[in-house]
C-alpha atoms as a PDB file:
ATOM      1  CA  MET A   1       0.000   0.000   0.000  1.00  0.00           C
ATOM      2  CA  LYS A   2       1.284   3.450  -0.912  1.00  0.00           C
ATOM      3  CA  THR A   3       2.501   5.680   1.929  1.00  0.00           C
ATOM      4  CA  TRP A   4       1.543   9.268   1.220  1.00  0.00           C
ATOM      5  CA  LYS A   5       3.761  12.147   2.286  1.00  0.00           C
ATOM      6  CA  ILE A   6       1.686  14.802   4.034  1.00  0.00           C
ATOM      7  CA  VAL A   7       2.740  18.183   5.432  1.00  0.00           C
ATOM      8  CA  ILE A   8       0.864  20.712   7.557  1.00  0.00           C
ATOM      9  CA  LEU A   9       2.358  24.168   7.016  1.00  0.00           C
ATOM     10  CA  ASP A  10       0.857  26.145   9.904  1.00  0.00           C
ATOM     11  CA  GLY A  11      -0.508  23.634  12.370  1.00  0.00           C
ATOM     12  CA  GLU A  12      -0.270  25.886  15.423  1.00  0.00           C
ATOM     13  CA  ARG A  13      -3.182  27.990  14.163  1.00  0.00           C
ATOM     14  CA  THR A  14      -5.634  25.104  14.208  1.00  0.00           C
ATOM     15  CA  ASN A  15      -4.057  23.028  16.950  1.00  0.00           C
ATOM     16  CA  PRO A  16      -1.963  24.955  19.488  1.00  0.00           C
ATOM     17  CA  GLY A  17      -1.550  21.751  21.463  1.00  0.00           C
ATOM     18  CA  ASP A  18      -4.995  20.945  22.819  1.00  0.00           C
ATOM     19  CA  LEU A  19      -5.962  18.501  20.051  1.00  0.00           C
ATOM     20  CA  SER A  20      -4.509  15.408  18.385  1.00  0.00           C
ATOM     21  CA  TRP A  21      -3.164  14.972  14.854  1.00  0.00           C
ATOM     22  CA  ASP A  22      -3.670  11.191  15.027  1.00  0.00           C
ATOM     23  CA  VAL A  23      -6.526  11.132  12.517  1.00  0.00           C
ATOM     24  CA  LEU A  24      -4.146  12.630   9.929  1.00  0.00           C
ATOM     25  CA  ARG A  25      -1.115  10.604  11.019  1.00  0.00           C
ATOM     26  CA  ALA A  26      -3.135   7.498  10.180  1.00  0.00           C
ATOM     27  CA  LEU A  27      -3.275   8.595   6.536  1.00  0.00           C
ATOM     28  CA  GLY A  28       0.435   8.846   5.772  1.00  0.00           C
ATOM     29  CA  ASP A  29       3.862  10.092   6.736  1.00  0.00           C
ATOM     30  CA  LEU A  30       2.889  13.373   8.433  1.00  0.00           C
ATOM     31  CA  THR A  31       5.146  16.367   9.075  1.00  0.00           C
ATOM     32  CA  VAL A  32       3.730  19.262  11.089  1.00  0.00           C
ATOM     33  CA  TYR A  33       5.233  22.754  11.082  1.00  0.00           C
ATOM     34  CA  PRO A  34       3.825  25.178  13.662  1.00  0.00           C
ATOM     35  CA  ALA A  35       4.189  27.990  11.109  1.00  0.00           C
ATOM     36  CA  THR A  36       5.734  28.623   7.704  1.00  0.00           C
ATOM     37  CA  ALA A  37       7.136  31.955   6.563  1.00  0.00           C
ATOM     38  CA  PRO A  38       6.812  32.839   2.861  1.00  0.00           C
ATOM     39  CA  GLU A  39      10.505  32.175   2.258  1.00  0.00           C
ATOM     40  CA  GLU A  40      10.142  28.722   3.853  1.00  0.00           C
ATOM     41  CA  LEU A  41       7.269  27.491   1.712  1.00  0.00           C
ATOM     42  CA  VAL A  42       9.285  25.611  -0.903  1.00  0.00           C
ATOM     43  CA  SER A  43      11.547  23.913   1.628  1.00  0.00           C
ATOM     44  CA  HIS A  44       8.674  22.987   3.966  1.00  0.00           C
ATOM     45  CA  ILE A  45       6.552  21.578   1.144  1.00  0.00           C
ATOM     46  CA  GLY A  46       9.542  19.756  -0.332  1.00  0.00           C
ATOM     47  CA  ASP A  47       8.540  16.451  -1.905  1.00  0.00           C
ATOM     48  CA  ASN A  48       5.272  16.122   0.002  1.00  0.00           C
ATOM     49  CA  GLU A  49       2.268  15.091  -2.060  1.00  0.00           C
ATOM     50  CA  ILE A  50      -0.479  16.434   0.202  1.00  0.00           C
ATOM     51  CA  VAL A  51      -0.236  19.957   1.603  1.00  0.00           C
ATOM     52  CA  ILE A  52      -2.515  21.106   4.417  1.00  0.00           C
ATOM     53  CA  LEU A  53      -2.643  24.747   5.436  1.00  0.00           C
ATOM     54  CA  ASP A  54      -4.686  27.633   6.717  1.00  0.00           C
ATOM     55  CA  LYS A  55      -3.185  31.000   5.758  1.00  0.00           C
ATOM     56  CA  PRO A  56       0.044  30.644   3.703  1.00  0.00           C
ATOM     57  CA  VAL A  57      -0.276  32.079   0.203  1.00  0.00           C
ATOM     58  CA  ILE A  58       0.325  29.424  -2.431  1.00  0.00           C
ATOM     59  CA  SER A  59       1.216  30.975  -5.777  1.00  0.00           C
ATOM     60  CA  ARG A  60       1.881  29.442  -9.164  1.00  0.00           C
ATOM     61  CA  ALA A  61       5.625  29.813  -8.522  1.00  0.00           C
ATOM     62  CA  ILE A  62       5.357  27.785  -5.309  1.00  0.00           C
ATOM     63  CA  MET A  63       3.397  25.035  -7.045  1.00  0.00           C
ATOM     64  CA  GLU A  64       5.831  24.879  -9.948  1.00  0.00           C
ATOM     65  CA  ALA A  65       8.748  24.668  -7.515  1.00  0.00           C
ATOM     66  CA  CYS A  66       7.095  21.704  -5.735  1.00  0.00           C
ATOM     67  CA  PRO A  67       6.048  19.281  -8.511  1.00  0.00           C
ATOM     68  CA  SER A  68       5.260  16.431  -6.096  1.00  0.00           C
ATOM     69  CA  VAL A  69       2.122  18.191  -4.803  1.00  0.00           C
ATOM     70  CA  LYS A  70      -1.102  16.452  -5.776  1.00  0.00           C
ATOM     71  CA  LEU A  71      -3.543  17.870  -3.205  1.00  0.00           C
ATOM     72  CA  ILE A  72      -3.801  21.176  -1.352  1.00  0.00           C
ATOM     73  CA  THR A  73      -6.471  21.047   1.327  1.00  0.00           C
ATOM     74  CA  LEU A  74      -7.342  23.909   3.622  1.00  0.00           C
ATOM     75  CA  PHE A  75      -8.050  24.347   7.304  1.00  0.00           C
ATOM     76  CA  ALA A  76     -10.484  27.015   6.068  1.00  0.00           C
ATOM     77  CA  THR A  77     -13.528  27.649   3.936  1.00  0.00           C
ATOM     78  CA  GLY A  78     -12.093  30.597   1.992  1.00  0.00           C
ATOM     79  CA  PHE A  79      -9.459  29.862  -0.655  1.00  0.00           C
ATOM     80  CA  ASN A  80      -8.646  33.259  -2.183  1.00  0.00           C
ATOM     81  CA  HIS A  81      -4.993  32.887  -1.067  1.00  0.00           C
ATOM     82  CA  ILE A  82      -4.506  29.896  -3.382  1.00  0.00           C
ATOM     83  CA  ASP A  83      -3.862  30.416  -7.123  1.00  0.00           C
ATOM     84  CA  ILE A  84      -6.815  28.280  -8.170  1.00  0.00           C
ATOM     85  CA  GLU A  85      -6.224  28.669 -11.914  1.00  0.00           C
ATOM     86  CA  ALA A  86      -2.586  27.612 -11.589  1.00  0.00           C
ATOM     87  CA  ALA A  87      -3.596  24.585  -9.535  1.00  0.00           C
ATOM     88  CA  ARG A  88      -6.132  23.617 -12.185  1.00  0.00           C
ATOM     89  CA  GLU A  89      -3.583  23.937 -14.991  1.00  0.00           C
ATOM     90  CA  LEU A  90      -1.013  21.933 -13.035  1.00  0.00           C
ATOM     91  CA  GLY A  91      -3.511  19.186 -12.150  1.00  0.00           C
ATOM     92  CA  ILE A  92      -3.436  19.858  -8.403  1.00  0.00           C
ATOM     93  CA  THR A  93      -6.678  19.233  -6.525  1.00  0.00           C
ATOM     94  CA  VAL A  94      -7.664  22.015  -4.095  1.00  0.00           C
ATOM     95  CA  SER A  95     -10.269  21.307  -1.421  1.00  0.00           C
ATOM     96  CA  ASN A  96     -11.634  23.406   1.412  1.00  0.00           C
ATOM     97  CA  ALA A  97     -13.522  22.850   4.657  1.00  0.00           C
ATOM     98  CA  PRO A  98     -17.082  24.166   4.335  1.00  0.00           C
ATOM     99  CA  GLY A  99     -19.558  24.264   7.166  1.00  0.00           C
ATOM    100  CA  TYR A 100     -17.297  23.352  10.061  1.00  0.00           C
ATOM    101  CA  SER A 101     -17.721  26.682  11.900  1.00  0.00           C
ATOM    102  CA  SER A 102     -21.334  27.603  11.175  1.00  0.00           C
ATOM    103  CA  TRP A 103     -22.520  27.480  14.773  1.00  0.00           C
ATOM    104  CA  ALA A 104     -19.356  28.943  16.275  1.00  0.00           C
ATOM    105  CA  VAL A 105     -19.276  31.983  13.973  1.00  0.00           C
ATOM    106  CA  SER A 106     -23.011  32.584  14.241  1.00  0.00           C
ATOM    107  CA  GLN A 107     -22.635  32.357  18.025  1.00  0.00           C
ATOM    108  CA  LEU A 108     -19.976  35.093  17.930  1.00  0.00           C
ATOM    109  CA  ALA A 109     -22.127  37.268  15.643  1.00  0.00           C
ATOM    110  CA  ALA A 110     -24.958  36.938  18.139  1.00  0.00           C
ATOM    111  CA  ALA A 111     -22.586  37.652  21.035  1.00  0.00           C
ATOM    112  CA  LEU A 112     -21.346  40.860  19.407  1.00  0.00           C
ATOM    113  CA  LEU A 113     -24.919  41.956  18.736  1.00  0.00           C
ATOM    114  CA  LEU A 114     -25.988  41.142  22.289  1.00  0.00           C
ATOM    115  CA  GLU A 115     -23.059  43.106  23.720  1.00  0.00           C
ATOM    116  CA  ILE A 116     -24.187  46.115  21.694  1.00  0.00           C
ATOM    117  CA  THR A 117     -27.871  45.797  22.572  1.00  0.00           C
ATOM    118  CA  THR A 118     -27.662  44.432  26.132  1.00  0.00           C
ATOM    119  CA  GLN A 119     -24.286  45.839  27.264  1.00  0.00           C
ATOM    120  CA  VAL A 120     -23.430  43.008  29.647  1.00  0.00           C
ATOM    121  CA  GLY A 121     -19.778  44.016  29.831  1.00  0.00           C
ATOM    122  CA  GLN A 122     -20.592  47.660  30.578  1.00  0.00           C
ATOM    123  CA  HIS A 123     -23.072  46.780  33.298  1.00  0.00           C
ATOM    124  CA  SER A 124     -20.693  44.260  34.851  1.00  0.00           C
ATOM    125  CA  ALA A 125     -18.045  47.001  35.012  1.00  0.00           C
ATOM    126  CA  VAL A 126     -20.560  49.312  36.728  1.00  0.00           C
ATOM    127  CA  VAL A 127     -21.125  46.707  39.438  1.00  0.00           C
ATOM    128  CA  ARG A 128     -17.421  46.053  39.932  1.00  0.00           C
ATOM    129  CA  ARG A 129     -16.597  49.773  40.154  1.00  0.00           C
ATOM    130  CA  GLY A 130     -19.117  50.164  42.965  1.00  0.00           C
ATOM    131  CA  GLU A 131     -21.382  52.509  41.025  1.00  0.00           C
ATOM    132  CA  TRP A 132     -24.422  50.383  41.770  1.00  0.00           C
ATOM    133  CA  THR A 133     -23.500  50.077  45.457  1.00  0.00           C
ATOM    134  CA  ASP A 134     -23.345  53.856  45.737  1.00  0.00           C
ATOM    135  CA  THR A 135     -26.917  54.400  44.499  1.00  0.00           C
ATOM    136  CA  SER A 136     -30.105  54.320  46.543  1.00  0.00           C
ATOM    137  CA  TYR A 137     -32.150  52.754  43.736  1.00  0.00           C
ATOM    138  CA  PHE A 138     -32.602  48.997  43.285  1.00  0.00           C
ATOM    139  CA  CYS A 139     -31.072  49.009  39.772  1.00  0.00           C
ATOM    140  CA  ARG A 140     -28.486  50.866  37.717  1.00  0.00           C
ATOM    141  CA  ILE A 141     -29.315  51.152  34.024  1.00  0.00           C
ATOM    142  CA  ALA A 142     -27.066  52.528  31.305  1.00  0.00           C
ATOM    143  CA  PRO A 143     -28.777  54.137  28.307  1.00  0.00           C
ATOM    144  CA  GLY A 144     -29.073  52.267  25.043  1.00  0.00           C
ATOM    145  CA  LEU A 145     -30.538  48.926  26.070  1.00  0.00           C
ATOM    146  CA  THR A 146     -32.413  47.512  23.092  1.00  0.00           C
ATOM    147  CA  GLU A 147     -34.689  44.540  22.445  1.00  0.00           C
ATOM    148  CA  ILE A 148     -33.942  42.467  19.368  1.00  0.00           C
ATOM    149  CA  ALA A 149     -37.535  41.230  19.257  1.00  0.00           C
ATOM    150  CA  GLY A 150     -39.458  43.105  16.601  1.00  0.00           C
ATOM    151  CA  LYS A 151     -36.323  44.391  14.857  1.00  0.00           C
ATOM    152  CA  THR A 152     -35.545  43.678  11.221  1.00  0.00           C
ATOM    153  CA  VAL A 153     -32.249  41.867  10.757  1.00  0.00           C
ATOM    154  CA  GLY A 154     -30.673  41.941   7.302  1.00  0.00           C
ATOM    155  CA  ILE A 155     -28.419  38.972   6.556  1.00  0.00           C
ATOM    156  CA  ILE A 156     -26.059  39.273   3.595  1.00  0.00           C
ATOM    157  CA  GLY A 157     -25.019  35.766   2.599  1.00  0.00           C
ATOM    158  CA  TYR A 158     -27.360  32.929   3.521  1.00  0.00           C
ATOM    159  CA  GLY A 159     -25.215  29.826   3.516  1.00  0.00           C
ATOM    160  CA  GLY A 160     -24.604  27.687   6.570  1.00  0.00           C
ATOM    161  CA  ILE A 161     -23.427  30.501   8.848  1.00  0.00           C
ATOM    162  CA  GLY A 162     -26.045  32.991   7.687  1.00  0.00           C
ATOM    163  CA  GLN A 163     -28.803  30.443   8.200  1.00  0.00           C
ATOM    164  CA  ALA A 164     -27.521  29.524  11.675  1.00  0.00           C
ATOM    165  CA  PHE A 165     -27.411  33.200  12.653  1.00  0.00           C
ATOM    166  CA  GLY A 166     -30.896  33.629  11.216  1.00  0.00           C
ATOM    167  CA  ARG A 167     -32.242  30.840  13.393  1.00  0.00           C
ATOM    168  CA  ILE A 168     -30.786  32.547  16.464  1.00  0.00           C
ATOM    169  CA  MET A 169     -32.328  35.878  15.483  1.00  0.00           C
ATOM    170  CA  LYS A 170     -35.747  34.370  14.798  1.00  0.00           C
ATOM    171  CA  ALA A 171     -35.638  32.646  18.189  1.00  0.00           C
ATOM    172  CA  MET A 172     -35.160  36.120  19.661  1.00  0.00           C
ATOM    173  CA  GLY A 173     -38.187  37.493  17.828  1.00  0.00           C
ATOM    174  CA  ALA A 174     -36.563  39.248  14.869  1.00  0.00           C
ATOM    175  CA  GLU A 175     -37.797  39.487  11.302  1.00  0.00           C
ATOM    176  CA  LEU A 176     -35.266  38.509   8.623  1.00  0.00           C
ATOM    177  CA  LEU A 177     -34.440  40.066   5.270  1.00  0.00           C
ATOM    178  CA  VAL A 178     -31.973  37.931   3.334  1.00  0.00           C
ATOM    179  CA  TYR A 179     -29.742  38.688   0.363  1.00  0.00           C
ATOM    180  CA  SER A 180     -27.882  35.852  -1.348  1.00  0.00           C
ATOM    181  CA  ARG A 181     -26.584  35.087  -4.818  1.00  0.00           C
ATOM    182  CA  HIS A 182     -28.412  31.768  -4.604  1.00  0.00           C
ATOM    183  CA  VAL A 183     -32.089  31.934  -3.677  1.00  0.00           C
ATOM    184  CA  HIS A 184     -33.695  28.920  -2.018  1.00  0.00           C
ATOM    185  CA  PRO A 185     -37.447  29.570  -1.764  1.00  0.00           C
ATOM    186  CA  GLU A 186     -37.856  26.675   0.640  1.00  0.00           C
ATOM    187  CA  LEU A 187     -35.932  28.686   3.263  1.00  0.00           C
ATOM    188  CA  GLU A 188     -38.489  31.491   3.214  1.00  0.00           C
ATOM    189  CA  ASP A 189     -41.265  31.641   5.797  1.00  0.00           C
ATOM    190  CA  GLU A 190     -43.474  34.270   7.384  1.00  0.00           C
ATOM    191  CA  HIS A 191     -40.439  35.740   9.195  1.00  0.00           C
ATOM    192  CA  THR A 192     -37.797  35.262   6.460  1.00  0.00           C
ATOM    193  CA  HIS A 193     -37.826  36.940   3.048  1.00  0.00           C
ATOM    194  CA  TYR A 194     -35.301  37.181   0.227  1.00  0.00           C
ATOM    195  CA  VAL A 195     -34.847  40.781  -0.950  1.00  0.00           C
ATOM    196  CA  ASN A 196     -32.417  42.779  -3.057  1.00  0.00           C
ATOM    197  CA  LEU A 197     -29.592  44.720  -1.438  1.00  0.00           C
ATOM    198  CA  ASP A 198     -31.317  48.080  -1.798  1.00  0.00           C
ATOM    199  CA  GLN A 199     -34.316  46.882   0.210  1.00  0.00           C
ATOM    200  CA  LEU A 200     -32.111  45.168   2.774  1.00  0.00           C
ATOM    201  CA  TYR A 201     -30.067  48.332   3.341  1.00  0.00           C
ATOM    202  CA  ALA A 202     -33.156  50.525   3.546  1.00  0.00           C
ATOM    203  CA  ASP A 203     -35.287  48.386   5.863  1.00  0.00           C
ATOM    204  CA  SER A 204     -32.863  46.678   8.251  1.00  0.00           C
ATOM    205  CA  ASP A 205     -32.240  47.785  11.830  1.00  0.00           C
ATOM    206  CA  ILE A 206     -29.333  45.353  12.085  1.00  0.00           C
ATOM    207  CA  ILE A 207     -27.132  44.094   9.226  1.00  0.00           C
ATOM    208  CA  SER A 208     -24.898  41.040   9.582  1.00  0.00           C
ATOM    209  CA  LEU A 209     -22.383  39.969   6.929  1.00  0.00           C
ATOM    210  CA  HIS A 210     -21.989  36.249   6.210  1.00  0.00           C
ATOM    211  CA  CYS A 211     -20.881  36.226   2.567  1.00  0.00           C
ATOM    212  CA  PRO A 212     -17.574  35.169   0.998  1.00  0.00           C
ATOM    213  CA  MET A 213     -14.924  37.675  -0.043  1.00  0.00           C
ATOM    214  CA  ASN A 214     -14.705  37.964  -3.822  1.00  0.00           C
ATOM    215  CA  ALA A 215     -14.563  40.552  -6.589  1.00  0.00           C
ATOM    216  CA  ASP A 216     -18.285  41.310  -6.223  1.00  0.00           C
ATOM    217  CA  SER A 217     -18.370  41.622  -2.430  1.00  0.00           C
ATOM    218  CA  ALA A 218     -15.072  43.404  -1.719  1.00  0.00           C
ATOM    219  CA  GLY A 219     -15.775  46.812  -0.170  1.00  0.00           C
ATOM    220  CA  MET A 220     -19.540  46.371  -0.445  1.00  0.00           C
ATOM    221  CA  ILE A 221     -20.106  48.290   2.794  1.00  0.00           C
ATOM    222  CA  ASN A 222     -18.885  51.712   1.746  1.00  0.00           C
ATOM    223  CA  ARG A 223     -19.947  55.341   1.731  1.00  0.00           C
ATOM    224  CA  ASP A 224     -22.662  54.697  -0.858  1.00  0.00           C
ATOM    225  CA  SER A 225     -24.216  51.622   0.764  1.00  0.00           C
ATOM    226  CA  LEU A 226     -23.986  53.204   4.229  1.00  0.00           C
ATOM    227  CA  ALA A 227     -25.945  56.212   2.939  1.00  0.00           C
ATOM    228  CA  ARG A 228     -28.766  53.854   1.933  1.00  0.00           C
ATOM    229  CA  MET A 229     -29.079  52.428   5.455  1.00  0.00           C
ATOM    230  CA  LYS A 230     -31.272  53.657   8.267  1.00  0.00           C
ATOM    231  CA  ASP A 231     -29.730  56.104  10.690  1.00  0.00           C
ATOM    232  CA  GLY A 232     -28.575  54.146  13.727  1.00  0.00           C
ATOM    233  CA  THR A 233     -28.142  50.787  11.988  1.00  0.00           C
ATOM    234  CA  ILE A 234     -26.047  48.188  13.825  1.00  0.00           C
ATOM    235  CA  LEU A 235     -23.457  46.447  11.629  1.00  0.00           C
ATOM    236  CA  ILE A 236     -21.977  43.017  12.419  1.00  0.00           C
ATOM    237  CA  ASN A 237     -19.108  41.525  10.397  1.00  0.00           C
ATOM    238  CA  THR A 238     -17.792  38.084  11.312  1.00  0.00           C
ATOM    239  CA  SER A 239     -16.951  37.194   7.707  1.00  0.00           C
ATOM    240  CA  ARG A 240     -14.029  39.008   6.043  1.00  0.00           C
ATOM    241  CA  GLY A 241     -12.551  42.408   6.847  1.00  0.00           C
ATOM    242  CA  GLY A 242     -12.360  43.374   3.178  1.00  0.00           C
ATOM    243  CA  LEU A 243     -16.152  43.358   2.865  1.00  0.00           C
ATOM    244  CA  ILE A 244     -16.160  46.812   4.419  1.00  0.00           C
ATOM    245  CA  VAL A 245     -14.249  49.998   3.623  1.00  0.00           C
ATOM    246  CA  GLU A 246     -12.903  50.576   7.106  1.00  0.00           C
ATOM    247  CA  GLU A 247     -12.459  54.337   6.708  1.00  0.00           C
ATOM    248  CA  ASP A 248     -16.066  54.750   5.539  1.00  0.00           C
ATOM    249  CA  VAL A 249     -17.439  52.633   8.378  1.00  0.00           C
ATOM    250  CA  ALA A 250     -15.354  54.578  10.928  1.00  0.00           C
ATOM    251  CA  ALA A 251     -16.753  57.839   9.538  1.00  0.00           C
ATOM    252  CA  ALA A 252     -20.312  56.471   9.776  1.00  0.00           C
ATOM    253  CA  LEU A 253     -19.696  55.566  13.418  1.00  0.00           C
ATOM    254  CA  GLN A 254     -18.322  59.040  14.115  1.00  0.00           C
ATOM    255  CA  SER A 255     -21.362  60.707  12.537  1.00  0.00           C
ATOM    256  CA  GLY A 256     -23.904  58.398  14.172  1.00  0.00           C
ATOM    257  CA  LYS A 257     -25.088  57.008  10.846  1.00  0.00           C
ATOM    258  CA  LEU A 258     -24.114  53.635  12.323  1.00  0.00           C
ATOM    259  CA  ARG A 259     -25.052  53.064  15.941  1.00  0.00           C
ATOM    260  CA  ALA A 260     -22.364  50.445  16.502  1.00  0.00           C
ATOM    261  CA  LEU A 261     -20.080  47.905  14.855  1.00  0.00           C
ATOM    262  CA  GLY A 262     -19.246  44.373  15.963  1.00  0.00           C
ATOM    263  CA  GLN A 263     -16.346  42.970  13.926  1.00  0.00           C
ATOM    264  CA  ASP A 264     -14.127  39.878  14.060  1.00  0.00           C
ATOM    265  CA  ALA A 265     -12.121  40.172  10.810  1.00  0.00           C
ATOM    266  CA  PHE A 266     -10.056  43.000   9.389  1.00  0.00           C
ATOM    267  CA  THR A 267      -8.486  44.035   6.097  1.00  0.00           C
ATOM    268  CA  VAL A 268      -4.993  43.523   7.516  1.00  0.00           C
ATOM    269  CA  GLU A 269      -4.478  40.932  10.257  1.00  0.00           C
ATOM    270  CA  PRO A 270      -3.226  41.237  12.912  1.00  0.00           C
ATOM    271  CA  ILE A 271      -4.942  44.610  13.067  1.00  0.00           C
ATOM    272  CA  ARG A 272      -2.637  47.578  12.440  1.00  0.00           C
ATOM    273  CA  PRO A 273      -2.346  50.280  15.103  1.00  0.00           C
ATOM    274  CA  ASP A 274      -3.524  52.899  12.599  1.00  0.00           C
ATOM    275  CA  ASN A 275      -6.726  51.038  11.713  1.00  0.00           C
ATOM    276  CA  PRO A 276      -9.464  53.712  11.922  1.00  0.00           C
ATOM    277  CA  LEU A 277     -11.860  51.329  13.665  1.00  0.00           C
ATOM    278  CA  LEU A 278      -9.632  51.317  16.749  1.00  0.00           C
ATOM    279  CA  THR A 279     -10.441  54.965  17.450  1.00  0.00           C
ATOM    280  CA  ALA A 280     -14.016  55.014  16.154  1.00  0.00           C
ATOM    281  CA  PRO A 281     -16.775  55.132  18.786  1.00  0.00           C
ATOM    282  CA  HIS A 282     -19.095  52.234  19.587  1.00  0.00           C
ATOM    283  CA  THR A 283     -16.893  49.478  18.164  1.00  0.00           C
ATOM    284  CA  PHE A 284     -16.706  45.954  19.558  1.00  0.00           C
ATOM    285  CA  LEU A 285     -13.695  44.265  17.984  1.00  0.00           C
ATOM    286  CA  THR A 286     -12.455  40.690  18.402  1.00  0.00           C
ATOM    287  CA  PRO A 287      -9.231  39.115  17.023  1.00  0.00           C
ATOM    288  CA  HIS A 288     -10.600  36.791  14.300  1.00  0.00           C
ATOM    289  CA  MET A 289     -11.586  34.139  16.829  1.00  0.00           C
ATOM    290  CA  GLY A 290     -15.107  33.214  15.814  1.00  0.00           C
ATOM    291  CA  TRP A 291     -13.963  29.884  14.347  1.00  0.00           C
ATOM    292  CA  ALA A 292     -11.811  28.917  17.327  1.00  0.00           C
ATOM    293  CA  PRO A 293     -13.819  26.924  19.933  1.00  0.00           C
ATOM    294  CA  ARG A 294     -12.088  23.635  20.657  1.00  0.00           C
ATOM    295  CA  GLU A 295     -15.050  21.628  19.384  1.00  0.00           C
ATOM    296  CA  THR A 296     -15.020  23.590  16.136  1.00  0.00           C
ATOM    297  CA  ARG A 297     -11.308  23.061  15.543  1.00  0.00           C
ATOM    298  CA  ALA A 298     -11.633  19.343  16.285  1.00  0.00           C
ATOM    299  CA  ARG A 299     -14.409  19.154  13.696  1.00  0.00           C
ATOM    300  CA  LEU A 300     -12.167  20.988  11.235  1.00  0.00           C
ATOM    301  CA  ILE A 301      -9.291  18.532  11.656  1.00  0.00           C
ATOM    302  CA  HIS A 302     -11.603  15.578  11.069  1.00  0.00           C
ATOM    303  CA  LEU A 303     -13.141  17.238   8.001  1.00  0.00           C
ATOM    304  CA  VAL A 304      -9.715  17.881   6.482  1.00  0.00           C
ATOM    305  CA  ALA A 305      -8.712  14.306   7.266  1.00  0.00           C
ATOM    306  CA  GLU A 306     -11.783  13.156   5.355  1.00  0.00           C
ATOM    307  CA  ASN A 307     -10.728  15.396   2.446  1.00  0.00           C
ATOM    308  CA  VAL A 308      -7.382  13.597   2.442  1.00  0.00           C
ATOM    309  CA  ARG A 309      -8.899  10.134   2.796  1.00  0.00           C
ATOM    310  CA  THR A 310     -11.370  10.601  -0.046  1.00  0.00           C
ATOM    311  CA  PHE A 311      -8.638  12.032  -2.289  1.00  0.00           C
ATOM    312  CA  GLN A 312      -6.470   9.012  -1.591  1.00  0.00           C
ATOM    313  CA  ALA A 313      -9.433   6.793  -2.475  1.00  0.00           C
ATOM    314  CA  GLY A 314      -9.839   8.564  -5.814  1.00  0.00           C
ATOM    315  CA  LYS A 315     -13.087  10.284  -4.879  1.00  0.00           C
ATOM    316  CA  PRO A 316     -12.079  13.726  -3.588  1.00  0.00           C
ATOM    317  CA  GLN A 317     -14.650  15.853  -1.802  1.00  0.00           C
ATOM    318  CA  ASN A 318     -15.052  19.598  -1.257  1.00  0.00           C
ATOM    319  CA  VAL A 319     -13.055  20.315  -4.423  1.00  0.00           C
ATOM    320  CA  VAL A 320     -13.039  24.024  -5.346  1.00  0.00           C
ATOM    321  CA  ASN A 321     -11.068  23.970  -8.621  1.00  0.00           C
ATOM    322  CA  GLY A 322     -12.618  21.099 -10.565  1.00  0.00           C
ATOM    323  CA  VAL A 323      -9.563  18.821 -10.410  1.00  0.00           C
ATOM    324  CA  GLY A 324     -10.009  15.358  -9.035  1.00  0.00           C
END
């Protein structure tokens, strides 16, 4: 039986030590690098046939320098950092990991929205600072508390994560307006309606982004689209930082056009100290961690292992470039 040579280029991202690689070790001769710098890519890939990675950029030049590669499979759903056309021309299968983080990312989107509307952190700080103790009244309420029930939530992108977030919002009494490139009428009900972007921008109290980053969606939240939104809209972005023009969103927060922003992904990561969102008011920013619960990462490792196993069996799954 053939022994496949398998390399993980940046294993520390997915598994910092709290999970096992055994499910992948069972599939071949596995080498795990905690991280790989751009100048190390060719040497780390070497003569491996199966390359597993999260963030390293794999260009045509890298593929041509490593002719043994037969499969590139990602610890990720997005694959815009892989030269898909080059992989197709060179006969390299590229597969991704769809659906593994739907509940985790939708949970974070809901958490960001709840922090904005319910202000748990702010009220906890009030208690700890003694500001409640020093009052004569039985409660201490900060302004801005908001019910989600009865609000209209616009969801841009209605795949697995968007649908999971939608279920959470409907459970909290919200009405949903949905925009997606692919319309599935069976997902509509009395509280969920597909609309165009103009209607979604105009009618939503809350907008949450759950779409992929591509040429059509890059910078879609910008000065023009913000102008079409209600005054005081809440914006949530747990998808990709490049979906928004950060300077335009910061200006909308400064002016009050946006009430608040909850965001987990940024145009440049780690976030730069001059990012305008860091100094904009009413921002709730997290360090791209929505996908990171232990259960979610364990699911991801097993999904990627299944990508490898099915490729080895001649029936690759989750292929994104038509090779296999």
